[in-house]
Amino acid sequence: MLNFPSRYNTDWMSTLSDQTSLAHLTVPGTHNTMAHYGGDMAECQHWLLYSQLQAGIRFLDIRCRHYRNGLPIHHGIKYQHADFPMVLREIVRFLIDYPTETIIMRIKKEFQSAENNRPFEETFQASIQQYIKDGRIWSCFSSIPILGDIRGKIVILQDFRGSAYGLDYNGDMFSIEDHWKVPTILDLHIGHKWQHVKRKLDTSGEDEGSSVIYITYTSGTSFWAWPKAVANRLNPRLQEYLQGKKPKKRFGIICMDFPTITLIEIVGERDRGKVSDFYPGLNQ
């Protein structure tokens, strides 16, 4: 069921130094950002895109199918009643309203291509070319940027083959944990998933000076473990883990299913050097 965050964190990046490397941030993100439809096996988020951005999400996981020379958004076979141009419009609307922020966006080619007379890359390029001209998409991607260079912009993490449109998601700049297969929600399998997450967070937290961008997915699924059931067990562990760490420890990008507003604040406030009172009564 779609709803709204209980409060917003629209400009939390405004207090961060312009000299902060993207590799040295701790960033709340959503896995399968647009997966709102398709039933319990397909749905991963309970807030629409703009609400996620208002809540403080700054990493988006966008899955585009190539169909009839367009880019509808899918989670596997399930169409999500949105397309890539709509995603771009919503992000840019947010960045116009909150120019101190930046949005990091993974683009992945999803599901089967069908009924096209041009390649995926050509359709993708047609979708973004005006935003490149308008300076809304960061286009100097030979190195990891600093925050001052990407405020008000989208940083693409490119998870498809072709010419370069962003940072290579599968390249040496990234260290990624995405152990997504969780056979059941039994303690054994949830514990196994958590150990993968914890190892990556431990590594990123101790490797604060490196130029590697760490990405950790806390999400998981299978026929016997649907995304929300996994999130209900993993998100409290993540919250407890982060609350036990010193502020300003870098943990990279943390991608979540169904995050609470409290959890988003705990992730984002790592960079601001404080872990405040997180309003435990307002966890929706």
C-alpha atoms as a PDB file:
ATOM      1  CA  MET A   1       0.000   0.000   0.000  1.00  0.00           C
ATOM      2  CA  LEU A   2       1.417   3.364  -1.043  1.00  0.00           C
ATOM      3  CA  ASN A   3       1.639   6.060   1.625  1.00  0.00           C
ATOM      4  CA  PHE A   4       3.792   9.038   2.621  1.00  0.00           C
ATOM      5  CA  PRO A   5       6.737   9.608   4.974  1.00  0.00           C
ATOM      6  CA  SER A   6       5.812  11.056   8.352  1.00  0.00           C
ATOM      7  CA  ARG A   7       8.436  13.809   7.951  1.00  0.00           C
ATOM      8  CA  TYR A   8      10.973  14.999   5.378  1.00  0.00           C
ATOM      9  CA  ASN A   9      14.738  15.406   5.052  1.00  0.00           C
ATOM     10  CA  THR A  10      14.793  17.418   1.865  1.00  0.00           C
ATOM     11  CA  ASP A  11      18.173  19.167   2.061  1.00  0.00           C
ATOM     12  CA  TRP A  12      20.373  17.100   4.392  1.00  0.00           C
ATOM     13  CA  MET A  13      23.323  17.379   1.998  1.00  0.00           C
ATOM     14  CA  SER A  14      23.358  21.174   2.355  1.00  0.00           C
ATOM     15  CA  THR A  15      25.512  20.994   5.497  1.00  0.00           C
ATOM     16  CA  LEU A  16      28.207  18.813   3.893  1.00  0.00           C
ATOM     17  CA  SER A  17      31.454  20.244   2.539  1.00  0.00           C
ATOM     18  CA  ASP A  18      31.710  20.783  -1.206  1.00  0.00           C
ATOM     19  CA  GLN A  19      35.084  19.002  -1.037  1.00  0.00           C
ATOM     20  CA  THR A  20      33.550  15.717   0.149  1.00  0.00           C
ATOM     21  CA  SER A  21      34.180  12.908  -2.326  1.00  0.00           C
ATOM     22  CA  LEU A  22      31.220  10.829  -3.424  1.00  0.00           C
ATOM     23  CA  ALA A  23      33.289   7.865  -2.210  1.00  0.00           C
ATOM     24  CA  HIS A  24      33.358   9.279   1.326  1.00  0.00           C
ATOM     25  CA  LEU A  25      29.626   9.740   1.823  1.00  0.00           C
ATOM     26  CA  THR A  26      27.108   7.543   3.603  1.00  0.00           C
ATOM     27  CA  VAL A  27      24.009   7.624   1.418  1.00  0.00           C
ATOM     28  CA  PRO A  28      20.520   6.169   2.002  1.00  0.00           C
ATOM     29  CA  GLY A  29      19.148   4.475  -1.093  1.00  0.00           C
ATOM     30  CA  THR A  30      16.314   2.281  -2.273  1.00  0.00           C
ATOM     31  CA  HIS A  31      16.618  -1.038  -4.071  1.00  0.00           C
ATOM     32  CA  ASN A  32      14.246  -1.351  -7.048  1.00  0.00           C
ATOM     33  CA  THR A  33      13.134   2.199  -6.371  1.00  0.00           C
ATOM     34  CA  MET A  34      10.028   2.140  -8.565  1.00  0.00           C
ATOM     35  CA  ALA A  35       8.719  -1.323  -7.592  1.00  0.00           C
ATOM     36  CA  HIS A  36       5.292  -0.367  -6.263  1.00  0.00           C
ATOM     37  CA  TYR A  37       3.094  -2.839  -8.133  1.00  0.00           C
ATOM     38  CA  GLY A  38       2.801  -6.560  -8.767  1.00  0.00           C
ATOM     39  CA  GLY A  39       1.885  -7.968  -5.388  1.00  0.00           C
ATOM     40  CA  ASP A  40       3.992  -9.052  -2.441  1.00  0.00           C
ATOM     41  CA  MET A  41       6.576 -10.881  -4.554  1.00  0.00           C
ATOM     42  CA  ALA A  42       7.342  -7.796  -6.686  1.00  0.00           C
ATOM     43  CA  GLU A  43       6.754  -4.729  -4.503  1.00  0.00           C
ATOM     44  CA  CYS A  44       9.826  -3.251  -2.804  1.00  0.00           C
ATOM     45  CA  GLN A  45       8.851   0.301  -1.803  1.00  0.00           C
ATOM     46  CA  HIS A  46       5.880   1.957  -0.101  1.00  0.00           C
ATOM     47  CA  TRP A  47       6.576   5.576  -1.150  1.00  0.00           C
ATOM     48  CA  LEU A  48       6.435   7.075  -4.620  1.00  0.00           C
ATOM     49  CA  LEU A  49       9.623   8.530  -6.066  1.00  0.00           C
ATOM     50  CA  TYR A  50       9.216  12.170  -5.057  1.00  0.00           C
ATOM     51  CA  SER A  51       8.276  11.148  -1.517  1.00  0.00           C
ATOM     52  CA  GLN A  52      11.408   9.003  -1.315  1.00  0.00           C
ATOM     53  CA  LEU A  53      13.514  12.002  -2.304  1.00  0.00           C
ATOM     54  CA  GLN A  54      11.745  14.201   0.234  1.00  0.00           C
ATOM     55  CA  ALA A  55      12.418  11.581   2.909  1.00  0.00           C
ATOM     56  CA  GLY A  56      16.159  11.770   2.200  1.00  0.00           C
ATOM     57  CA  ILE A  57      16.810   8.963  -0.287  1.00  0.00           C
ATOM     58  CA  ARG A  58      19.692   9.955  -2.587  1.00  0.00           C
ATOM     59  CA  PHE A  59      20.497   6.689  -4.396  1.00  0.00           C
ATOM     60  CA  LEU A  60      17.959   5.277  -6.845  1.00  0.00           C
ATOM     61  CA  ASP A  61      17.935   1.834  -8.440  1.00  0.00           C
ATOM     62  CA  ILE A  62      16.116   2.273 -11.772  1.00  0.00           C
ATOM     63  CA  ARG A  63      15.270  -0.743 -13.960  1.00  0.00           C
ATOM     64  CA  CYS A  64      14.379   0.043 -17.581  1.00  0.00           C
ATOM     65  CA  ARG A  65      12.875  -2.387 -20.068  1.00  0.00           C
ATOM     66  CA  HIS A  66      13.427  -1.591 -23.761  1.00  0.00           C
ATOM     67  CA  TYR A  67       9.983  -1.894 -25.338  1.00  0.00           C
ATOM     68  CA  ARG A  68       8.587  -0.228 -28.474  1.00  0.00           C
ATOM     69  CA  ASN A  69      11.476   2.238 -28.513  1.00  0.00           C
ATOM     70  CA  GLY A  70      10.580   3.373 -25.013  1.00  0.00           C
ATOM     71  CA  LEU A  71      11.879   2.686 -21.502  1.00  0.00           C
ATOM     72  CA  PRO A  72       9.046   1.511 -19.261  1.00  0.00           C
ATOM     73  CA  ILE A  73      10.070   0.725 -15.698  1.00  0.00           C
ATOM     74  CA  HIS A  74       9.900  -2.950 -14.720  1.00  0.00           C
ATOM     75  CA  HIS A  75      10.657  -5.239 -11.814  1.00  0.00           C
ATOM     76  CA  GLY A  76      11.252  -8.413 -13.757  1.00  0.00           C
ATOM     77  CA  ILE A  77       8.105  -9.179 -15.708  1.00  0.00           C
ATOM     78  CA  LYS A  78       6.021  -6.646 -13.749  1.00  0.00           C
ATOM     79  CA  TYR A  79       5.432  -3.249 -15.364  1.00  0.00           C
ATOM     80  CA  GLN A  80       5.519  -0.465 -12.756  1.00  0.00           C
ATOM     81  CA  HIS A  81       3.182   2.052 -14.408  1.00  0.00           C
ATOM     82  CA  ALA A  82       6.014   4.512 -15.031  1.00  0.00           C
ATOM     83  CA  ASP A  83       8.723   5.169 -17.579  1.00  0.00           C
ATOM     84  CA  PHE A  84      12.253   6.531 -17.531  1.00  0.00           C
ATOM     85  CA  PRO A  85      11.327  10.037 -18.795  1.00  0.00           C
ATOM     86  CA  MET A  86       8.888  10.354 -15.876  1.00  0.00           C
ATOM     87  CA  VAL A  87      11.631   9.320 -13.461  1.00  0.00           C
ATOM     88  CA  LEU A  88      13.909  12.008 -14.879  1.00  0.00           C
ATOM     89  CA  ARG A  89      11.219  14.676 -14.638  1.00  0.00           C
ATOM     90  CA  GLU A  90      10.548  13.885 -10.982  1.00  0.00           C
ATOM     91  CA  ILE A  91      14.241  13.927 -10.083  1.00  0.00           C
ATOM     92  CA  VAL A  92      14.880  17.218 -11.845  1.00  0.00           C
ATOM     93  CA  ARG A  93      11.783  18.735 -10.219  1.00  0.00           C
ATOM     94  CA  PHE A  94      13.253  17.794  -6.857  1.00  0.00           C
ATOM     95  CA  LEU A  95      16.714  19.164  -7.718  1.00  0.00           C
ATOM     96  CA  ILE A  96      15.211  22.473  -8.830  1.00  0.00           C
ATOM     97  CA  ASP A  97      13.435  22.706  -5.471  1.00  0.00           C
ATOM     98  CA  TYR A  98      16.521  21.568  -3.500  1.00  0.00           C
ATOM     99  CA  PRO A  99      19.680  22.519  -5.451  1.00  0.00           C
ATOM    100  CA  THR A 100      22.096  21.529  -2.644  1.00  0.00           C
ATOM    101  CA  GLU A 101      21.288  17.847  -3.205  1.00  0.00           C
ATOM    102  CA  THR A 102      22.578  15.290  -5.675  1.00  0.00           C
ATOM    103  CA  ILE A 103      20.928  12.101  -6.920  1.00  0.00           C
ATOM    104  CA  ILE A 104      22.963   8.979  -7.657  1.00  0.00           C
ATOM    105  CA  MET A 105      21.072   6.769 -10.091  1.00  0.00           C
ATOM    106  CA  ARG A 106      21.906   3.234 -11.123  1.00  0.00           C
ATOM    107  CA  ILE A 107      20.466   2.403 -14.545  1.00  0.00           C
ATOM    108  CA  LYS A 108      19.948  -1.290 -15.267  1.00  0.00           C
ATOM    109  CA  LYS A 109      18.494  -2.901 -18.360  1.00  0.00           C
ATOM    110  CA  GLU A 110      15.602  -5.071 -17.165  1.00  0.00           C
ATOM    111  CA  PHE A 111      13.532  -7.927 -18.560  1.00  0.00           C
ATOM    112  CA  GLN A 112      13.197  -8.772 -22.261  1.00  0.00           C
ATOM    113  CA  SER A 113      13.505  -6.219 -25.066  1.00  0.00           C
ATOM    114  CA  ALA A 114      10.649  -6.357 -27.559  1.00  0.00           C
ATOM    115  CA  GLU A 115       9.248  -4.577 -30.624  1.00  0.00           C
ATOM    116  CA  ASN A 116      12.128  -2.110 -31.051  1.00  0.00           C
ATOM    117  CA  ASN A 117      13.781  -0.867 -34.247  1.00  0.00           C
ATOM    118  CA  ARG A 118      16.732   0.745 -32.505  1.00  0.00           C
ATOM    119  CA  PRO A 119      19.161  -0.369 -29.746  1.00  0.00           C
ATOM    120  CA  PHE A 120      18.637   0.280 -26.027  1.00  0.00           C
ATOM    121  CA  GLU A 121      21.489   2.779 -25.943  1.00  0.00           C
ATOM    122  CA  GLU A 122      19.912   4.940 -28.646  1.00  0.00           C
ATOM    123  CA  THR A 123      16.614   5.082 -26.761  1.00  0.00           C
ATOM    124  CA  PHE A 124      18.429   5.850 -23.515  1.00  0.00           C
ATOM    125  CA  GLN A 125      20.458   8.633 -25.132  1.00  0.00           C
ATOM    126  CA  ALA A 126      17.296  10.206 -26.566  1.00  0.00           C
ATOM    127  CA  SER A 127      15.808  10.279 -23.065  1.00  0.00           C
ATOM    128  CA  ILE A 128      18.734  12.053 -21.397  1.00  0.00           C
ATOM    129  CA  GLN A 129      20.197  14.325 -24.084  1.00  0.00           C
ATOM    130  CA  GLN A 130      18.177  17.415 -23.103  1.00  0.00           C
ATOM    131  CA  TYR A 131      19.146  16.977 -19.441  1.00  0.00           C
ATOM    132  CA  ILE A 132      22.803  16.740 -20.442  1.00  0.00           C
ATOM    133  CA  LYS A 133      22.459  19.996 -22.380  1.00  0.00           C
ATOM    134  CA  ASP A 134      20.746  21.600 -19.389  1.00  0.00           C
ATOM    135  CA  GLY A 135      23.597  20.532 -17.095  1.00  0.00           C
ATOM    136  CA  ARG A 136      21.392  18.277 -14.975  1.00  0.00           C
ATOM    137  CA  ILE A 137      23.424  15.123 -15.630  1.00  0.00           C
ATOM    138  CA  TRP A 138      27.029  15.074 -14.493  1.00  0.00           C
ATOM    139  CA  SER A 139      29.130  14.302 -17.549  1.00  0.00           C
ATOM    140  CA  CYS A 140      32.759  14.236 -16.366  1.00  0.00           C
ATOM    141  CA  PHE A 141      32.964  10.606 -15.296  1.00  0.00           C
ATOM    142  CA  SER A 142      36.616   9.666 -15.641  1.00  0.00           C
ATOM    143  CA  SER A 143      36.975  10.000 -11.854  1.00  0.00           C
ATOM    144  CA  ILE A 144      34.821  10.055  -8.727  1.00  0.00           C
ATOM    145  CA  PRO A 145      33.359  13.548  -8.241  1.00  0.00           C
ATOM    146  CA  ILE A 146      33.277  15.762  -5.175  1.00  0.00           C
ATOM    147  CA  LEU A 147      29.946  16.984  -3.864  1.00  0.00           C
ATOM    148  CA  GLY A 148      30.496  20.577  -4.983  1.00  0.00           C
ATOM    149  CA  ASP A 149      30.652  19.432  -8.622  1.00  0.00           C
ATOM    150  CA  ILE A 150      27.428  17.432  -8.537  1.00  0.00           C
ATOM    151  CA  ARG A 151      25.009  19.493  -6.470  1.00  0.00           C
ATOM    152  CA  GLY A 152      21.785  19.903  -8.408  1.00  0.00           C
ATOM    153  CA  LYS A 153      22.813  17.097 -10.752  1.00  0.00           C
ATOM    154  CA  ILE A 154      22.213  13.407 -11.412  1.00  0.00           C
ATOM    155  CA  VAL A 155      25.179  11.035 -11.288  1.00  0.00           C
ATOM    156  CA  ILE A 156      24.519   7.986 -13.443  1.00  0.00           C
ATOM    157  CA  LEU A 157      25.906   4.616 -12.422  1.00  0.00           C
ATOM    158  CA  GLN A 158      25.833   2.745 -15.717  1.00  0.00           C
ATOM    159  CA  ASP A 159      24.851  -0.921 -15.443  1.00  0.00           C
ATOM    160  CA  PHE A 160      24.498  -1.628 -19.160  1.00  0.00           C
ATOM    161  CA  ARG A 161      26.891  -1.954 -22.074  1.00  0.00           C
ATOM    162  CA  GLY A 162      27.571   0.856 -24.525  1.00  0.00           C
ATOM    163  CA  SER A 163      29.163   4.267 -24.666  1.00  0.00           C
ATOM    164  CA  ALA A 164      29.912   5.925 -21.345  1.00  0.00           C
ATOM    165  CA  TYR A 165      27.092   7.967 -19.815  1.00  0.00           C
ATOM    166  CA  GLY A 166      28.222   7.750 -16.201  1.00  0.00           C
ATOM    167  CA  LEU A 167      30.429   5.860 -13.795  1.00  0.00           C
ATOM    168  CA  ASP A 168      30.870   2.195 -14.714  1.00  0.00           C
ATOM    169  CA  TYR A 169      28.799   0.343 -12.096  1.00  0.00           C
ATOM    170  CA  ASN A 170      30.711  -2.861 -12.802  1.00  0.00           C
ATOM    171  CA  GLY A 171      34.148  -1.217 -12.778  1.00  0.00           C
ATOM    172  CA  ASP A 172      36.981  -0.858 -10.303  1.00  0.00           C
ATOM    173  CA  MET A 173      35.524   2.292  -8.703  1.00  0.00           C
ATOM    174  CA  PHE A 174      32.907   0.185  -6.888  1.00  0.00           C
ATOM    175  CA  SER A 175      32.798  -2.513  -4.231  1.00  0.00           C
ATOM    176  CA  ILE A 176      29.283  -3.991  -4.221  1.00  0.00           C
ATOM    177  CA  GLU A 177      27.465  -6.441  -1.972  1.00  0.00           C
ATOM    178  CA  ASP A 178      24.212  -7.721  -3.485  1.00  0.00           C
ATOM    179  CA  HIS A 179      23.613 -11.208  -2.118  1.00  0.00           C
ATOM    180  CA  TRP A 180      19.899 -11.032  -2.920  1.00  0.00           C
ATOM    181  CA  LYS A 181      18.817 -14.675  -2.824  1.00  0.00           C
ATOM    182  CA  VAL A 182      17.292 -15.372   0.583  1.00  0.00           C
ATOM    183  CA  PRO A 183      15.729 -18.863   0.477  1.00  0.00           C
ATOM    184  CA  THR A 184      13.327 -18.397   3.413  1.00  0.00           C
ATOM    185  CA  ILE A 185      12.681 -16.020   6.300  1.00  0.00           C
ATOM    186  CA  LEU A 186      13.941 -18.571   8.797  1.00  0.00           C
ATOM    187  CA  ASP A 187      16.572 -17.234  11.200  1.00  0.00           C
ATOM    188  CA  LEU A 188      19.271 -19.292   9.459  1.00  0.00           C
ATOM    189  CA  HIS A 189      18.764 -17.654   6.083  1.00  0.00           C
ATOM    190  CA  ILE A 190      18.108 -14.158   7.433  1.00  0.00           C
ATOM    191  CA  GLY A 191      21.263 -14.487   9.522  1.00  0.00           C
ATOM    192  CA  HIS A 192      23.251 -15.559   6.467  1.00  0.00           C
ATOM    193  CA  LYS A 193      22.004 -12.541   4.516  1.00  0.00           C
ATOM    194  CA  TRP A 194      22.836 -10.228   7.419  1.00  0.00           C
ATOM    195  CA  GLN A 195      26.389 -11.548   7.597  1.00  0.00           C
ATOM    196  CA  HIS A 196      26.934 -10.546   3.958  1.00  0.00           C
ATOM    197  CA  VAL A 197      25.601  -7.064   4.730  1.00  0.00           C
ATOM    198  CA  LYS A 198      27.584  -6.687   7.936  1.00  0.00           C
ATOM    199  CA  ARG A 199      30.878  -7.765   6.349  1.00  0.00           C
ATOM    200  CA  LYS A 200      30.550  -5.120   3.641  1.00  0.00           C
ATOM    201  CA  LEU A 201      29.559  -2.405   6.115  1.00  0.00           C
ATOM    202  CA  ASP A 202      32.429  -3.372   8.416  1.00  0.00           C
ATOM    203  CA  THR A 203      34.860  -3.152   5.484  1.00  0.00           C
ATOM    204  CA  SER A 204      33.575   0.197   4.248  1.00  0.00           C
ATOM    205  CA  GLY A 205      33.593   1.612   7.770  1.00  0.00           C
ATOM    206  CA  GLU A 206      37.254   0.719   8.279  1.00  0.00           C
ATOM    207  CA  ASP A 207      38.324   1.793   4.780  1.00  0.00           C
ATOM    208  CA  GLU A 208      37.395   5.450   5.187  1.00  0.00           C
ATOM    209  CA  GLY A 209      40.304   6.906   3.257  1.00  0.00           C
ATOM    210  CA  SER A 210      39.951   4.929   0.036  1.00  0.00           C
ATOM    211  CA  SER A 211      38.511   6.141  -3.255  1.00  0.00           C
ATOM    212  CA  VAL A 212      36.260   3.103  -3.689  1.00  0.00           C
ATOM    213  CA  ILE A 213      32.491   3.636  -3.636  1.00  0.00           C
ATOM    214  CA  TYR A 214      30.910   0.970  -1.443  1.00  0.00           C
ATOM    215  CA  ILE A 215      27.354  -0.164  -2.214  1.00  0.00           C
ATOM    216  CA  THR A 216      25.508  -2.536   0.111  1.00  0.00           C
ATOM    217  CA  TYR A 217      22.067  -3.964  -0.646  1.00  0.00           C
ATOM    218  CA  THR A 218      20.130  -5.063   2.417  1.00  0.00           C
ATOM    219  CA  SER A 219      17.325  -6.348   0.166  1.00  0.00           C
ATOM    220  CA  GLY A 220      16.578  -9.981  -0.538  1.00  0.00           C
ATOM    221  CA  THR A 221      13.879 -12.218  -1.966  1.00  0.00           C
ATOM    222  CA  SER A 222      12.821 -15.660  -3.146  1.00  0.00           C
ATOM    223  CA  PHE A 223       9.580 -17.565  -3.647  1.00  0.00           C
ATOM    224  CA  TRP A 224       9.513 -18.249   0.113  1.00  0.00           C
ATOM    225  CA  ALA A 225      10.884 -14.892   1.275  1.00  0.00           C
ATOM    226  CA  TRP A 226       9.146 -11.859  -0.158  1.00  0.00           C
ATOM    227  CA  PRO A 227      10.861  -8.435  -0.123  1.00  0.00           C
ATOM    228  CA  LYS A 228       8.805  -6.919   2.693  1.00  0.00           C
ATOM    229  CA  ALA A 229       9.215  -9.948   4.940  1.00  0.00           C
ATOM    230  CA  VAL A 230      12.992  -9.809   4.465  1.00  0.00           C
ATOM    231  CA  ALA A 231      13.042  -6.040   5.039  1.00  0.00           C
ATOM    232  CA  ASN A 232      11.039  -6.405   8.252  1.00  0.00           C
ATOM    233  CA  ARG A 233      13.846  -8.586   9.606  1.00  0.00           C
ATOM    234  CA  LEU A 234      16.893  -6.887   8.097  1.00  0.00           C
ATOM    235  CA  ASN A 235      16.027  -3.207   8.607  1.00  0.00           C
ATOM    236  CA  PRO A 236      15.950  -3.395  12.439  1.00  0.00           C
ATOM    237  CA  ARG A 237      19.352  -5.118  12.393  1.00  0.00           C
ATOM    238  CA  LEU A 238      20.737  -2.396  10.156  1.00  0.00           C
ATOM    239  CA  GLN A 239      19.341   0.326  12.415  1.00  0.00           C
ATOM    240  CA  GLU A 240      20.826  -1.274  15.534  1.00  0.00           C
ATOM    241  CA  TYR A 241      24.180  -1.730  13.783  1.00  0.00           C
ATOM    242  CA  LEU A 242      24.424   1.917  12.685  1.00  0.00           C
ATOM    243  CA  GLN A 243      23.299   3.289  16.035  1.00  0.00           C
ATOM    244  CA  GLY A 244      26.211   1.437  17.605  1.00  0.00           C
ATOM    245  CA  LYS A 245      28.802   3.118  15.361  1.00  0.00           C
ATOM    246  CA  LYS A 246      30.532   6.458  15.773  1.00  0.00           C
ATOM    247  CA  PRO A 247      29.226   9.341  13.654  1.00  0.00           C
ATOM    248  CA  LYS A 248      31.253  10.227  10.572  1.00  0.00           C
ATOM    249  CA  LYS A 249      32.207   6.630   9.873  1.00  0.00           C
ATOM    250  CA  ARG A 250      31.756   6.154   6.124  1.00  0.00           C
ATOM    251  CA  PHE A 251      29.492   3.261   5.076  1.00  0.00           C
ATOM    252  CA  GLY A 252      28.913   4.121   1.421  1.00  0.00           C
ATOM    253  CA  ILE A 253      25.573   3.683  -0.313  1.00  0.00           C
ATOM    254  CA  ILE A 254      23.076   1.543   1.594  1.00  0.00           C
ATOM    255  CA  CYS A 255      20.179   0.294  -0.547  1.00  0.00           C
ATOM    256  CA  MET A 256      17.036  -0.795   1.283  1.00  0.00           C
ATOM    257  CA  ASP A 257      13.559  -2.154   0.702  1.00  0.00           C
ATOM    258  CA  PHE A 258      10.746  -0.428   2.619  1.00  0.00           C
ATOM    259  CA  PRO A 259      13.019   1.803   4.758  1.00  0.00           C
ATOM    260  CA  THR A 260      11.467   3.724   7.611  1.00  0.00           C
ATOM    261  CA  ILE A 261      12.015   7.460   7.908  1.00  0.00           C
ATOM    262  CA  THR A 262      13.972   6.795  11.091  1.00  0.00           C
ATOM    263  CA  LEU A 263      16.331   4.420   9.307  1.00  0.00           C
ATOM    264  CA  ILE A 264      16.879   6.899   6.473  1.00  0.00           C
ATOM    265  CA  GLU A 265      17.787   9.584   9.003  1.00  0.00           C
ATOM    266  CA  ILE A 266      20.194   7.295  10.803  1.00  0.00           C
ATOM    267  CA  VAL A 267      21.972   6.502   7.524  1.00  0.00           C
ATOM    268  CA  GLY A 268      22.071  10.114   6.285  1.00  0.00           C
ATOM    269  CA  GLU A 269      23.131  11.631   9.586  1.00  0.00           C
ATOM    270  CA  ARG A 270      26.376   9.637   9.631  1.00  0.00           C
ATOM    271  CA  ASP A 271      27.888  12.351   7.425  1.00  0.00           C
ATOM    272  CA  ARG A 272      26.648  15.200   9.576  1.00  0.00           C
ATOM    273  CA  GLY A 273      28.533  13.963  12.620  1.00  0.00           C
ATOM    274  CA  LYS A 274      25.521  13.376  14.825  1.00  0.00           C
ATOM    275  CA  VAL A 275      23.037  10.703  15.682  1.00  0.00           C
ATOM    276  CA  SER A 276      20.101  12.579  17.152  1.00  0.00           C
ATOM    277  CA  ASP A 277      16.948  11.387  18.855  1.00  0.00           C
ATOM    278  CA  PHE A 278      15.243   9.419  16.132  1.00  0.00           C
ATOM    279  CA  TYR A 279      11.617   9.796  17.181  1.00  0.00           C
ATOM    280  CA  PRO A 280      10.963   6.097  17.811  1.00  0.00           C
ATOM    281  CA  GLY A 281       7.230   6.629  17.749  1.00  0.00           C
ATOM    282  CA  LEU A 282       7.311   7.802  14.112  1.00  0.00           C
ATOM    283  CA  ASN A 283       8.733   4.864  12.199  1.00  0.00           C
ATOM    284  CA  GLN A 284       6.328   4.752   9.259  1.00  0.00           C
END
